[in-house]
Amino acid sequence: MSANPAPLARTIIFWVLRLLVAAAFLAAAGLKLTGQPHMVEEFGKIALGQGFRIATGVIEGAGALLLLYPRSVLAGVAVLLCVDAGALVAQLGPLHGDVKHVFVLGALLLVIGWLARRD
């Protein structure tokens, strides 16, 4: 009799998603915190100051790290969904940008949150 592979597959998918989404948010945080010209320009358009860019980078980085620690996954999802919502508002408002990445990351965060729930 073989063991049910579903729990192992779920665990692998859960970790891969968490690692990928955390990496994406850590990369974005790094761009903001190192003052990359594109980020400085974007936050200039948002008109909330460069301190907001730094705060956003810190919050993104913290949220990404929370995703990697099993006991804080849901907290990380909550933090990053708030960042994602802010990005949506900025993209629809002053940035007039592409919102696909916002919805993709939001959907992935919701999947992570769903997989993290306690049955």
N, C-alpha and C. Protein backbone atom coordinates (compact mmCIF):
# COMPACT_ATOMS: atom_id res chain seq x y z
N MET A 1 0.84 -1.16 0.00
CA MET A 1 0.00 0.00 0.00
C MET A 1 0.90 1.24 0.00
N SER A 2 0.66 2.17 -0.93
CA SER A 2 1.50 3.37 -1.02
C SER A 2 0.85 4.53 -0.29
N ALA A 3 1.70 5.42 0.16
CA ALA A 3 1.21 6.61 0.88
C ALA A 3 0.55 7.57 -0.11
N ASN A 4 -0.37 8.34 0.39
CA ASN A 4 -1.05 9.34 -0.43
C ASN A 4 -0.07 10.47 -0.76
N PRO A 5 0.19 10.72 -2.05
CA PRO A 5 1.15 11.76 -2.41
C PRO A 5 0.59 13.18 -2.33
N ALA A 6 -0.71 13.33 -2.13
CA ALA A 6 -1.32 14.66 -2.13
C ALA A 6 -0.74 15.60 -1.07
N PRO A 7 -0.55 15.17 0.19
CA PRO A 7 0.02 16.09 1.17
C PRO A 7 1.43 16.55 0.80
N LEU A 8 2.25 15.65 0.25
CA LEU A 8 3.60 16.02 -0.16
C LEU A 8 3.55 17.01 -1.31
N ALA A 9 2.70 16.77 -2.29
CA ALA A 9 2.57 17.69 -3.42
C ALA A 9 2.09 19.05 -2.95
N ARG A 10 1.14 19.06 -2.04
CA ARG A 10 0.62 20.33 -1.50
C ARG A 10 1.73 21.10 -0.79
N THR A 11 2.53 20.38 -0.01
CA THR A 11 3.63 21.02 0.71
C THR A 11 4.66 21.60 -0.25
N ILE A 12 4.97 20.87 -1.28
CA ILE A 12 5.95 21.35 -2.27
C ILE A 12 5.41 22.58 -2.99
N ILE A 13 4.17 22.52 -3.44
CA ILE A 13 3.55 23.66 -4.13
C ILE A 13 3.51 24.87 -3.20
N PHE A 14 3.15 24.64 -1.95
CA PHE A 14 3.08 25.71 -0.95
C PHE A 14 4.43 26.40 -0.80
N TRP A 15 5.50 25.62 -0.65
CA TRP A 15 6.84 26.20 -0.49
C TRP A 15 7.32 26.90 -1.75
N VAL A 16 7.09 26.30 -2.90
CA VAL A 16 7.53 26.92 -4.16
C VAL A 16 6.83 28.28 -4.34
N LEU A 17 5.53 28.31 -4.12
CA LEU A 17 4.79 29.58 -4.25
C LEU A 17 5.31 30.62 -3.26
N ARG A 18 5.51 30.20 -2.03
CA ARG A 18 6.01 31.14 -1.02
C ARG A 18 7.39 31.67 -1.40
N LEU A 19 8.26 30.80 -1.86
CA LEU A 19 9.61 31.24 -2.25
C LEU A 19 9.57 32.19 -3.43
N LEU A 20 8.76 31.87 -4.44
CA LEU A 20 8.68 32.74 -5.63
C LEU A 20 8.09 34.11 -5.30
N VAL A 21 7.01 34.12 -4.56
CA VAL A 21 6.38 35.40 -4.21
C VAL A 21 7.27 36.20 -3.27
N ALA A 22 7.89 35.54 -2.32
CA ALA A 22 8.82 36.24 -1.42
C ALA A 22 9.98 36.83 -2.21
N ALA A 23 10.51 36.07 -3.17
CA ALA A 23 11.61 36.57 -3.99
C ALA A 23 11.18 37.80 -4.80
N ALA A 24 9.98 37.76 -5.34
CA ALA A 24 9.48 38.90 -6.12
C ALA A 24 9.37 40.15 -5.25
N PHE A 25 8.81 39.99 -4.05
CA PHE A 25 8.65 41.15 -3.17
C PHE A 25 10.00 41.61 -2.60
N LEU A 26 10.91 40.68 -2.33
CA LEU A 26 12.24 41.08 -1.87
C LEU A 26 12.99 41.83 -2.96
N ALA A 27 12.84 41.41 -4.20
CA ALA A 27 13.48 42.12 -5.32
C ALA A 27 12.90 43.53 -5.45
N ALA A 28 11.58 43.63 -5.35
CA ALA A 28 10.95 44.95 -5.44
C ALA A 28 11.39 45.83 -4.28
N ALA A 29 11.48 45.25 -3.09
CA ALA A 29 11.94 46.01 -1.92
C ALA A 29 13.37 46.49 -2.13
N GLY A 30 14.20 45.63 -2.68
CA GLY A 30 15.59 46.01 -2.94
C GLY A 30 15.70 47.18 -3.90
N LEU A 31 14.87 47.16 -4.94
CA LEU A 31 14.87 48.28 -5.90
C LEU A 31 14.48 49.59 -5.21
N LYS A 32 13.50 49.51 -4.35
CA LYS A 32 13.04 50.72 -3.66
C LYS A 32 14.08 51.21 -2.66
N LEU A 33 14.64 50.29 -1.89
CA LEU A 33 15.56 50.66 -0.82
C LEU A 33 16.92 51.12 -1.33
N THR A 34 17.29 50.69 -2.52
CA THR A 34 18.58 51.13 -3.08
C THR A 34 18.43 52.38 -3.94
N GLY A 35 17.22 52.91 -4.02
CA GLY A 35 17.00 54.16 -4.73
C GLY A 35 17.20 54.08 -6.23
N GLN A 36 16.78 52.98 -6.82
CA GLN A 36 16.90 52.84 -8.27
C GLN A 36 16.11 53.96 -8.95
N PRO A 37 16.68 54.55 -10.01
CA PRO A 37 16.04 55.71 -10.65
C PRO A 37 14.58 55.49 -11.02
N HIS A 38 14.26 54.31 -11.52
CA HIS A 38 12.88 54.01 -11.91
C HIS A 38 11.94 54.12 -10.70
N MET A 39 12.39 53.60 -9.55
CA MET A 39 11.57 53.65 -8.34
C MET A 39 11.45 55.08 -7.83
N VAL A 40 12.54 55.83 -7.86
CA VAL A 40 12.50 57.22 -7.42
C VAL A 40 11.52 58.01 -8.29
N GLU A 41 11.56 57.75 -9.60
CA GLU A 41 10.64 58.44 -10.52
C GLU A 41 9.19 58.05 -10.25
N GLU A 42 8.94 56.74 -10.08
CA GLU A 42 7.56 56.30 -9.82
C GLU A 42 7.01 56.91 -8.54
N PHE A 43 7.79 56.91 -7.49
CA PHE A 43 7.31 57.45 -6.24
C PHE A 43 7.21 58.96 -6.29
N GLY A 44 7.97 59.59 -7.17
CA GLY A 44 7.80 61.02 -7.41
C GLY A 44 6.45 61.32 -8.03
N LYS A 45 6.01 60.45 -8.93
CA LYS A 45 4.69 60.61 -9.55
C LYS A 45 3.56 60.39 -8.55
N ILE A 46 3.79 59.51 -7.60
CA ILE A 46 2.77 59.24 -6.59
C ILE A 46 2.61 60.45 -5.66
N ALA A 47 3.66 61.21 -5.54
CA ALA A 47 3.66 62.48 -4.77
C ALA A 47 3.44 62.30 -3.28
N LEU A 48 3.94 61.21 -2.73
CA LEU A 48 3.88 61.01 -1.28
C LEU A 48 5.27 61.10 -0.66
N GLY A 49 6.25 61.45 -1.45
CA GLY A 49 7.61 61.62 -0.95
C GLY A 49 8.43 60.35 -1.04
N GLN A 50 9.75 60.56 -1.00
CA GLN A 50 10.66 59.43 -1.10
C GLN A 50 10.71 58.61 0.19
N GLY A 51 10.30 59.21 1.29
CA GLY A 51 10.18 58.44 2.53
C GLY A 51 9.15 57.34 2.39
N PHE A 52 8.12 57.60 1.61
CA PHE A 52 7.09 56.59 1.36
C PHE A 52 7.67 55.43 0.55
N ARG A 53 8.59 55.74 -0.37
CA ARG A 53 9.28 54.69 -1.14
C ARG A 53 10.06 53.79 -0.19
N ILE A 54 10.79 54.39 0.73
CA ILE A 54 11.59 53.62 1.67
C ILE A 54 10.69 52.80 2.60
N ALA A 55 9.63 53.42 3.11
CA ALA A 55 8.69 52.70 3.98
C ALA A 55 8.06 51.52 3.24
N THR A 56 7.69 51.74 1.99
CA THR A 56 7.10 50.67 1.19
C THR A 56 8.09 49.53 1.01
N GLY A 57 9.34 49.87 0.75
CA GLY A 57 10.38 48.84 0.59
C GLY A 57 10.58 48.04 1.87
N VAL A 58 10.58 48.71 3.00
CA VAL A 58 10.74 48.02 4.29
C VAL A 58 9.55 47.10 4.54
N ILE A 59 8.35 47.60 4.28
CA ILE A 59 7.14 46.78 4.50
C ILE A 59 7.12 45.59 3.56
N GLU A 60 7.49 45.80 2.29
CA GLU A 60 7.55 44.68 1.34
C GLU A 60 8.56 43.63 1.79
N GLY A 61 9.73 44.08 2.20
CA GLY A 61 10.75 43.14 2.66
C GLY A 61 10.29 42.36 3.88
N ALA A 62 9.70 43.06 4.83
CA ALA A 62 9.20 42.38 6.03
C ALA A 62 8.11 41.38 5.69
N GLY A 63 7.18 41.78 4.83
CA GLY A 63 6.12 40.87 4.42
C GLY A 63 6.66 39.63 3.72
N ALA A 64 7.65 39.83 2.88
CA ALA A 64 8.26 38.70 2.18
C ALA A 64 8.92 37.74 3.16
N LEU A 65 9.62 38.28 4.15
CA LEU A 65 10.26 37.42 5.16
C LEU A 65 9.22 36.68 5.99
N LEU A 66 8.10 37.34 6.28
CA LEU A 66 7.03 36.68 7.02
C LEU A 66 6.47 35.48 6.26
N LEU A 67 6.47 35.55 4.93
CA LEU A 67 5.99 34.42 4.13
C LEU A 67 6.86 33.18 4.30
N LEU A 68 8.12 33.39 4.62
CA LEU A 68 9.06 32.27 4.68
C LEU A 68 9.07 31.54 6.01
N TYR A 69 8.53 32.15 7.04
CA TYR A 69 8.48 31.52 8.36
C TYR A 69 7.09 30.90 8.52
N PRO A 70 7.02 29.59 8.68
CA PRO A 70 5.72 28.90 8.69
C PRO A 70 4.66 29.49 9.62
N ARG A 71 5.03 29.96 10.80
CA ARG A 71 4.04 30.47 11.75
C ARG A 71 3.53 31.86 11.38
N SER A 72 4.19 32.52 10.44
CA SER A 72 3.79 33.89 10.11
C SER A 72 3.32 34.06 8.67
N VAL A 73 3.03 32.96 8.01
CA VAL A 73 2.63 33.03 6.60
C VAL A 73 1.40 33.91 6.41
N LEU A 74 0.38 33.71 7.23
CA LEU A 74 -0.84 34.49 7.06
C LEU A 74 -0.60 35.97 7.34
N ALA A 75 0.26 36.29 8.28
CA ALA A 75 0.61 37.69 8.52
C ALA A 75 1.31 38.27 7.30
N GLY A 76 2.21 37.50 6.71
CA GLY A 76 2.90 37.95 5.50
C GLY A 76 1.93 38.17 4.35
N VAL A 77 0.98 37.26 4.20
CA VAL A 77 -0.04 37.41 3.16
C VAL A 77 -0.82 38.70 3.39
N ALA A 78 -1.22 38.95 4.63
CA ALA A 78 -2.01 40.15 4.94
C ALA A 78 -1.21 41.42 4.63
N VAL A 79 0.03 41.46 5.05
CA VAL A 79 0.88 42.63 4.81
C VAL A 79 1.05 42.86 3.31
N LEU A 80 1.37 41.80 2.59
CA LEU A 80 1.64 41.95 1.17
C LEU A 80 0.38 42.22 0.35
N LEU A 81 -0.77 41.74 0.81
CA LEU A 81 -2.01 42.11 0.13
C LEU A 81 -2.30 43.61 0.29
N CYS A 82 -1.93 44.15 1.44
CA CYS A 82 -2.09 45.61 1.62
C CYS A 82 -1.16 46.37 0.68
N VAL A 83 0.08 45.91 0.57
CA VAL A 83 1.02 46.54 -0.37
C VAL A 83 0.48 46.42 -1.79
N ASP A 84 -0.03 45.25 -2.11
CA ASP A 84 -0.57 45.01 -3.45
C ASP A 84 -1.77 45.91 -3.73
N ALA A 85 -2.61 46.11 -2.74
CA ALA A 85 -3.76 47.01 -2.91
C ALA A 85 -3.29 48.44 -3.15
N GLY A 86 -2.27 48.85 -2.42
CA GLY A 86 -1.70 50.18 -2.63
C GLY A 86 -1.10 50.32 -4.02
N ALA A 87 -0.45 49.27 -4.49
CA ALA A 87 0.11 49.29 -5.85
C ALA A 87 -1.00 49.41 -6.89
N LEU A 88 -2.12 48.74 -6.64
CA LEU A 88 -3.25 48.83 -7.56
C LEU A 88 -3.77 50.27 -7.63
N VAL A 89 -3.92 50.89 -6.48
CA VAL A 89 -4.40 52.28 -6.45
C VAL A 89 -3.41 53.18 -7.19
N ALA A 90 -2.13 52.99 -6.95
CA ALA A 90 -1.11 53.82 -7.61
C ALA A 90 -1.10 53.60 -9.11
N GLN A 91 -1.25 52.34 -9.54
CA GLN A 91 -1.24 52.04 -10.98
C GLN A 91 -2.48 52.60 -11.67
N LEU A 92 -3.62 52.50 -11.01
CA LEU A 92 -4.86 53.02 -11.60
C LEU A 92 -4.91 54.54 -11.54
N GLY A 93 -4.21 55.11 -10.57
CA GLY A 93 -4.20 56.56 -10.38
C GLY A 93 -3.05 57.23 -11.08
N PRO A 94 -2.11 57.77 -10.31
CA PRO A 94 -1.07 58.64 -10.88
C PRO A 94 -0.11 57.94 -11.85
N LEU A 95 0.09 56.65 -11.71
CA LEU A 95 1.05 55.98 -12.57
C LEU A 95 0.47 55.59 -13.93
N HIS A 96 -0.84 55.42 -13.99
CA HIS A 96 -1.52 55.01 -15.23
C HIS A 96 -0.80 53.83 -15.86
N GLY A 97 -0.47 52.84 -15.04
CA GLY A 97 0.35 51.73 -15.49
C GLY A 97 -0.41 50.45 -15.71
N ASP A 98 0.37 49.44 -15.94
CA ASP A 98 -0.13 48.09 -16.18
C ASP A 98 -0.48 47.46 -14.83
N VAL A 99 -1.66 46.90 -14.71
CA VAL A 99 -2.08 46.32 -13.44
C VAL A 99 -2.02 44.78 -13.43
N LYS A 100 -1.57 44.19 -14.52
CA LYS A 100 -1.55 42.72 -14.57
C LYS A 100 -0.71 42.12 -13.44
N HIS A 101 0.48 42.70 -13.23
CA HIS A 101 1.34 42.15 -12.18
C HIS A 101 0.70 42.27 -10.80
N VAL A 102 -0.07 43.30 -10.59
CA VAL A 102 -0.75 43.49 -9.30
C VAL A 102 -1.76 42.37 -9.08
N PHE A 103 -2.53 42.05 -10.11
CA PHE A 103 -3.52 40.98 -9.98
C PHE A 103 -2.87 39.61 -9.87
N VAL A 104 -1.78 39.38 -10.60
CA VAL A 104 -1.09 38.09 -10.52
C VAL A 104 -0.53 37.88 -9.13
N LEU A 105 0.18 38.88 -8.60
CA LEU A 105 0.73 38.74 -7.25
C LEU A 105 -0.38 38.62 -6.21
N GLY A 106 -1.45 39.38 -6.36
CA GLY A 106 -2.58 39.27 -5.44
C GLY A 106 -3.19 37.89 -5.46
N ALA A 107 -3.36 37.34 -6.64
CA ALA A 107 -3.93 35.99 -6.76
C ALA A 107 -3.01 34.95 -6.12
N LEU A 108 -1.72 35.08 -6.36
CA LEU A 108 -0.76 34.15 -5.75
C LEU A 108 -0.77 34.26 -4.23
N LEU A 109 -0.88 35.48 -3.73
CA LEU A 109 -0.97 35.66 -2.28
C LEU A 109 -2.23 35.02 -1.71
N LEU A 110 -3.34 35.13 -2.43
CA LEU A 110 -4.58 34.50 -1.97
C LEU A 110 -4.46 32.97 -1.97
N VAL A 111 -3.78 32.42 -2.97
CA VAL A 111 -3.56 30.97 -2.99
C VAL A 111 -2.69 30.55 -1.81
N ILE A 112 -1.64 31.31 -1.54
CA ILE A 112 -0.77 31.02 -0.39
C ILE A 112 -1.58 31.07 0.90
N GLY A 113 -2.40 32.09 1.03
CA GLY A 113 -3.25 32.20 2.22
C GLY A 113 -4.20 31.03 2.35
N TRP A 114 -4.75 30.60 1.22
CA TRP A 114 -5.67 29.46 1.25
C TRP A 114 -4.93 28.18 1.65
N LEU A 115 -3.73 28.00 1.10
CA LEU A 115 -2.95 26.80 1.45
C LEU A 115 -2.46 26.84 2.89
N ALA A 116 -2.32 28.02 3.46
CA ALA A 116 -1.83 28.15 4.84
C ALA A 116 -2.92 27.96 5.88
N ARG A 117 -4.15 27.94 5.46
CA ARG A 117 -5.25 27.86 6.42
C ARG A 117 -5.18 26.55 7.19
N ARG A 118 -5.72 26.59 8.35
CA ARG A 118 -5.76 25.38 9.19
C ARG A 118 -7.04 24.64 8.87
N ASP A 119 -6.89 23.38 8.52
CA ASP A 119 -8.08 22.56 8.19
C ASP A 119 -8.83 22.14 9.41
